[in-house]
Amino acid sequence: MQPCIPRLARMKSLLRLCVAALVLTSPTLAPAQNEANRLTFDVAAIRLSRAPDRNGGIKALPGGNGYTAQNIPVKLMISLMYRVPMSQISGGPEWLDSERYNIEAKVDRSYSIDDLHVMFQNLLVDRFNLKFHIDIKEGPVYALTLDTPDSKMKVNDSPQDFRIPMNFDSDGVVGIRVPMPYFCWWLGQQLQSSKRPVINLTGLDKNYDFKLSFAPELPPDVSKETLSPELRDRPSLFDAVKQQLGLKLTPQRGPVEHYIIDHIDRPSDN
């Protein structure tokens, strides 16, 4: 029989192991590729967006043969392609956040979503001359763990359909075929004001369907009274994750990746 370890101590031990693993395996700009098998889009059109508002979207094409972005800042592109909250990206010029771009990138056949993300990483390198380094330090994080013996999320074993995994509707958020790395990135985006990334310690490694209804996290200087009565009545994100998904977010200390931009240019002409 294994010795009984208090749950908090076990979580801290796991987080320390994560720190060591990340220091040993922290990624560079993209997975190692030689020129012969380097994954790139066949064609990519990049244009500065002239849209008067901040509405936009970024997603893989339905057939897995490309990627589209409409009215999206480059900092958000980096955040999504490397699964790092924007609060952990620093350096670079002001336009990284303020200017928005439209991108239409295509390849001649279907690829996996991971391959498409590598292609997009290489597009950022080739067309924006992106260079950065990663600094990993121990800092405040949220540990995502199981609160019940099993999660309340439904396993989805269907083939990749290239849809955006999580979308807001009138009742909250609907997740379809959501992988845990994406969910942790999404949670980190919702909790950016705390500047704590979310580390997956659930042991869950499949894709999941779920619904999540919660009141949005507000900055400290914004009153909850500014929300509509319907939103005010919803649980906090922390309570919703626990009650509706069977998971728990616990503040801890652990590995925090800081992506530091060393160089980036506005995109080259098509």
Protein backbone atom coordinates (compact mmCIF):
# COMPACT_ATOMS: atom_id res chain seq x y z
CA MET A 1 0.00 0.00 0.00
CA GLN A 2 1.30 3.44 -0.92
CA PRO A 3 1.76 5.92 1.93
CA CYS A 4 -1.03 8.45 2.29
CA ILE A 5 0.15 11.89 1.11
CA PRO A 6 -1.98 14.94 1.96
CA ARG A 7 -3.69 16.23 -1.19
CA LEU A 8 -2.13 19.70 -0.99
CA ALA A 9 1.37 18.26 -0.56
CA ARG A 10 0.80 15.90 -3.50
CA MET A 11 -0.29 18.80 -5.72
CA LYS A 12 2.79 20.82 -4.77
CA SER A 13 4.98 17.82 -5.55
CA LEU A 14 3.37 17.46 -8.98
CA LEU A 15 3.86 21.15 -9.68
CA ARG A 16 7.56 20.90 -8.80
CA LEU A 17 7.86 18.00 -11.25
CA CYS A 18 6.16 20.14 -13.91
CA VAL A 19 8.73 22.90 -13.33
CA ALA A 20 11.59 20.46 -13.86
CA ALA A 21 9.99 18.97 -16.97
CA LEU A 22 9.35 22.36 -18.55
CA VAL A 23 12.89 23.54 -17.90
CA LEU A 24 14.19 20.43 -19.67
CA THR A 25 11.74 20.50 -22.57
CA SER A 26 10.74 24.14 -23.11
CA PRO A 27 9.95 24.73 -26.81
CA THR A 28 11.72 27.05 -29.20
CA LEU A 29 9.92 28.81 -32.03
CA ALA A 30 8.43 25.60 -33.41
CA PRO A 31 9.07 21.85 -33.32
CA ALA A 32 12.40 20.90 -34.91
CA GLN A 33 11.99 20.78 -38.68
CA ASN A 34 14.44 20.59 -41.53
CA GLU A 35 13.73 22.41 -44.75
CA ALA A 36 12.59 19.22 -46.47
CA ASN A 37 9.70 18.55 -44.09
CA ARG A 38 9.10 22.03 -42.66
CA LEU A 39 5.34 22.57 -42.43
CA THR A 40 4.17 25.73 -44.20
CA PHE A 41 1.03 26.96 -45.92
CA ASP A 42 1.12 26.85 -49.73
CA VAL A 43 -0.34 30.36 -49.99
CA ALA A 44 -1.05 33.02 -47.40
CA ALA A 45 -2.62 36.44 -47.91
CA ILE A 46 -2.12 38.94 -45.07
CA ARG A 47 -3.88 42.31 -44.98
CA LEU A 48 -4.21 45.01 -42.36
CA SER A 49 -7.84 45.08 -41.20
CA ARG A 50 -9.80 48.30 -41.67
CA ALA A 51 -12.80 47.12 -39.61
CA PRO A 52 -14.11 49.89 -37.32
CA ASP A 53 -14.81 47.54 -34.40
CA ARG A 54 -12.99 44.81 -32.45
CA ASN A 55 -15.17 41.92 -33.61
CA GLY A 56 -13.27 39.13 -35.27
CA GLY A 57 -12.42 35.45 -35.26
CA ILE A 58 -9.67 32.95 -35.96
CA LYS A 59 -10.16 29.29 -36.84
CA ALA A 60 -9.03 26.38 -38.99
CA LEU A 61 -10.86 25.90 -42.29
CA PRO A 62 -13.55 23.18 -42.13
CA GLY A 63 -11.61 20.73 -44.28
CA GLY A 64 -8.34 21.10 -42.38
CA ASN A 65 -6.69 22.66 -45.42
CA GLY A 66 -5.87 26.08 -44.01
CA TYR A 67 -6.52 28.79 -41.45
CA THR A 68 -8.46 32.04 -41.46
CA ALA A 69 -8.22 35.08 -39.20
CA GLN A 70 -10.43 38.14 -39.43
CA ASN A 71 -9.68 41.37 -37.55
CA ILE A 72 -7.28 39.71 -35.08
CA PRO A 73 -4.22 41.27 -33.35
CA VAL A 74 -0.92 39.45 -33.76
CA LYS A 75 -0.51 39.08 -30.00
CA LEU A 76 -3.70 37.00 -29.88
CA MET A 77 -2.42 34.87 -32.77
CA ILE A 78 0.78 34.13 -30.82
CA SER A 79 -1.27 33.40 -27.70
CA LEU A 80 -3.48 30.87 -29.49
CA MET A 81 -0.81 29.15 -31.58
CA TYR A 82 1.48 28.61 -28.59
CA ARG A 83 -1.31 28.07 -26.00
CA VAL A 84 -0.02 30.83 -23.72
CA PRO A 85 -2.23 33.51 -22.11
CA MET A 86 -1.61 36.99 -23.51
CA SER A 87 -0.71 38.21 -20.02
CA GLN A 88 2.44 36.05 -20.31
CA ILE A 89 3.56 37.65 -23.59
CA SER A 90 5.74 40.74 -23.22
CA GLY A 91 8.01 42.93 -25.31
CA GLY A 92 7.52 43.94 -28.91
CA PRO A 93 6.04 47.11 -30.42
CA GLU A 94 2.70 48.67 -29.48
CA TRP A 95 1.07 47.59 -32.77
CA LEU A 96 1.31 43.95 -31.69
CA ASP A 97 -1.82 44.61 -29.64
CA SER A 98 -3.45 47.54 -31.44
CA GLU A 99 -3.27 46.63 -35.13
CA ARG A 100 -5.54 43.89 -36.43
CA TYR A 101 -5.00 41.65 -39.42
CA ASN A 102 -6.91 39.45 -41.85
CA ILE A 103 -5.15 36.25 -42.86
CA GLU A 104 -6.23 33.61 -45.39
CA ALA A 105 -3.77 30.71 -45.49
CA LYS A 106 -4.26 27.46 -47.41
CA VAL A 107 -2.62 24.14 -48.22
CA ASP A 108 -3.44 21.60 -50.90
CA ARG A 109 -4.79 18.87 -48.59
CA SER A 110 -6.14 18.25 -45.10
CA TYR A 111 -3.78 18.37 -42.11
CA SER A 112 -4.25 17.80 -38.39
CA ILE A 113 -4.98 20.81 -36.19
CA ASP A 114 -1.53 20.44 -34.58
CA ASP A 115 0.15 20.56 -38.00
CA LEU A 116 -1.89 23.63 -38.94
CA HIS A 117 -0.73 25.35 -35.76
CA VAL A 118 2.90 24.60 -36.63
CA MET A 119 2.26 26.07 -40.09
CA PHE A 120 0.84 29.20 -38.47
CA GLN A 121 3.85 29.42 -36.15
CA ASN A 122 6.11 29.24 -39.21
CA LEU A 123 4.00 31.89 -40.96
CA LEU A 124 4.61 34.23 -38.01
CA VAL A 125 8.35 33.55 -38.34
CA ASP A 126 8.50 33.88 -42.13
CA ARG A 127 6.14 36.80 -42.72
CA PHE A 128 6.43 38.77 -39.46
CA ASN A 129 10.08 37.89 -38.67
CA LEU A 130 8.95 36.82 -35.20
CA LYS A 131 11.74 35.98 -32.77
CA PHE A 132 11.23 35.35 -29.06
CA HIS A 133 12.60 33.42 -26.13
CA ILE A 134 10.87 31.68 -23.24
CA ASP A 135 11.72 32.39 -19.64
CA ILE A 136 10.32 29.84 -17.18
CA LYS A 137 10.09 30.86 -13.55
CA GLU A 138 8.21 29.56 -10.56
CA GLY A 139 5.28 31.82 -9.83
CA PRO A 140 1.56 31.92 -9.02
CA VAL A 141 -0.59 29.46 -11.00
CA TYR A 142 -3.95 27.76 -10.79
CA ALA A 143 -3.77 23.97 -10.52
CA LEU A 144 -6.68 22.31 -12.32
CA THR A 145 -7.55 19.02 -10.58
CA LEU A 146 -10.47 16.62 -10.28
CA ASP A 147 -12.88 17.60 -7.51
CA THR A 148 -14.83 14.33 -7.85
CA PRO A 149 -13.52 10.84 -8.71
CA ASP A 150 -14.55 11.44 -12.33
CA SER A 151 -15.20 14.61 -14.25
CA LYS A 152 -18.73 15.50 -15.34
CA MET A 153 -17.56 16.13 -18.89
CA LYS A 154 -18.51 13.71 -21.67
CA VAL A 155 -15.72 12.09 -23.66
CA ASN A 156 -15.98 12.86 -27.38
CA ASP A 157 -14.14 10.31 -29.54
CA SER A 158 -15.37 11.67 -32.87
CA PRO A 159 -12.82 12.53 -35.59
CA GLN A 160 -11.31 16.01 -35.79
CA ASP A 161 -13.88 18.40 -37.24
CA PHE A 162 -11.78 21.61 -37.14
CA ARG A 163 -14.49 23.60 -35.36
CA ILE A 164 -13.62 26.13 -32.65
CA PRO A 165 -13.79 23.98 -29.48
CA MET A 166 -15.49 26.52 -27.20
CA ASN A 167 -18.12 29.10 -28.12
CA PHE A 168 -20.30 31.47 -26.11
CA ASP A 169 -24.08 31.31 -26.37
CA SER A 170 -26.90 32.92 -24.40
CA ASP A 171 -26.51 30.44 -21.53
CA GLY A 172 -22.74 30.54 -21.21
CA VAL A 173 -20.15 28.45 -23.04
CA VAL A 174 -20.60 25.28 -25.08
CA GLY A 175 -17.55 23.04 -25.43
CA ILE A 176 -17.42 20.46 -28.24
CA ARG A 177 -14.48 18.07 -28.53
CA VAL A 178 -12.34 20.20 -26.21
CA PRO A 179 -8.78 18.97 -25.48
CA MET A 180 -7.46 19.76 -21.99
CA PRO A 181 -4.52 21.92 -23.18
CA TYR A 182 -7.00 24.14 -25.02
CA PHE A 183 -9.32 24.27 -22.00
CA CYS A 184 -6.45 25.32 -19.71
CA TRP A 185 -5.43 28.02 -22.19
CA TRP A 186 -9.05 29.22 -22.37
CA LEU A 187 -9.34 29.33 -18.58
CA GLY A 188 -6.11 31.33 -18.41
CA GLN A 189 -7.55 33.82 -20.90
CA GLN A 190 -10.69 34.26 -18.76
CA LEU A 191 -8.58 34.78 -15.61
CA GLN A 192 -5.99 37.12 -17.13
CA SER A 193 -6.44 39.77 -14.44
CA SER A 194 -5.00 37.32 -11.88
CA LYS A 195 -1.97 36.67 -14.14
CA ARG A 196 -2.04 32.99 -13.16
CA PRO A 197 -1.74 30.37 -15.91
CA VAL A 198 -3.76 27.18 -15.49
CA ILE A 199 -1.81 23.91 -15.23
CA ASN A 200 -3.58 20.64 -15.98
CA LEU A 201 -3.18 18.15 -13.12
CA THR A 202 -6.42 16.27 -13.80
CA GLY A 203 -4.88 13.32 -15.60
CA LEU A 204 -7.55 13.75 -18.30
CA ASP A 205 -6.13 13.28 -21.80
CA LYS A 206 -9.12 13.00 -24.17
CA ASN A 207 -11.48 15.45 -25.88
CA TYR A 208 -14.63 16.47 -24.00
CA ASP A 209 -18.10 17.95 -24.45
CA PHE A 210 -19.64 20.17 -21.76
CA LYS A 211 -21.63 23.29 -20.99
CA LEU A 212 -20.38 25.97 -18.60
CA SER A 213 -22.49 28.85 -17.27
CA PHE A 214 -20.77 31.48 -15.13
CA ALA A 215 -20.54 35.17 -14.34
CA PRO A 216 -17.56 36.80 -16.08
CA GLU A 217 -14.50 37.63 -14.00
CA LEU A 218 -14.31 41.42 -13.56
CA PRO A 219 -11.32 43.67 -12.87
CA PRO A 220 -11.02 44.77 -9.22
CA ASP A 221 -12.23 48.29 -10.03
CA VAL A 222 -15.41 47.12 -11.82
CA SER A 223 -18.52 46.48 -9.72
CA LYS A 224 -20.58 43.32 -10.21
CA GLU A 225 -23.61 45.63 -10.35
CA THR A 226 -22.57 46.58 -13.87
CA LEU A 227 -23.63 43.10 -15.02
CA SER A 228 -27.16 42.24 -16.09
CA PRO A 229 -29.31 40.53 -13.41
CA GLU A 230 -29.08 37.27 -15.37
CA LEU A 231 -25.27 37.31 -15.32
CA ARG A 232 -25.10 38.39 -11.67
CA ASP A 233 -27.11 35.30 -10.69
CA ARG A 234 -24.66 32.93 -12.29
CA PRO A 235 -21.88 31.30 -10.22
CA SER A 236 -18.29 32.47 -10.43
CA LEU A 237 -16.04 30.67 -12.91
CA PHE A 238 -14.41 28.85 -9.98
CA ASP A 239 -17.75 27.60 -8.65
CA ALA A 240 -19.04 26.75 -12.13
CA VAL A 241 -15.97 24.62 -12.94
CA LYS A 242 -16.48 22.76 -9.67
CA GLN A 243 -20.26 22.35 -9.74
CA GLN A 244 -20.78 21.78 -13.45
CA LEU A 245 -17.60 19.98 -14.55
CA GLY A 246 -16.40 18.22 -11.39
CA LEU A 247 -13.05 20.04 -11.55
CA LYS A 248 -11.34 22.46 -9.20
CA LEU A 249 -9.06 25.49 -9.60
CA THR A 250 -6.64 25.92 -6.70
CA PRO A 251 -4.12 28.78 -6.36
CA GLN A 252 -0.60 27.38 -6.05
CA ARG A 253 2.94 28.10 -7.14
CA GLY A 254 4.30 26.37 -10.21
CA PRO A 255 6.01 26.84 -13.60
CA VAL A 256 5.10 30.03 -15.47
CA GLU A 257 6.19 30.45 -19.08
CA HIS A 258 6.94 34.04 -20.10
CA TYR A 259 7.16 34.56 -23.86
CA ILE A 260 9.43 37.56 -24.45
CA ILE A 261 9.34 39.09 -27.94
CA ASP A 262 12.87 39.85 -29.16
CA HIS A 263 11.91 41.02 -32.65
CA ILE A 264 8.88 41.32 -34.92
CA ASP A 265 8.09 43.29 -38.07
CA ARG A 266 4.88 44.22 -39.79
CA PRO A 267 4.17 41.50 -42.35
CA SER A 268 5.99 41.35 -45.65
CA ASP A 269 4.09 41.99 -48.87
CA ASN A 270 2.25 39.05 -50.39
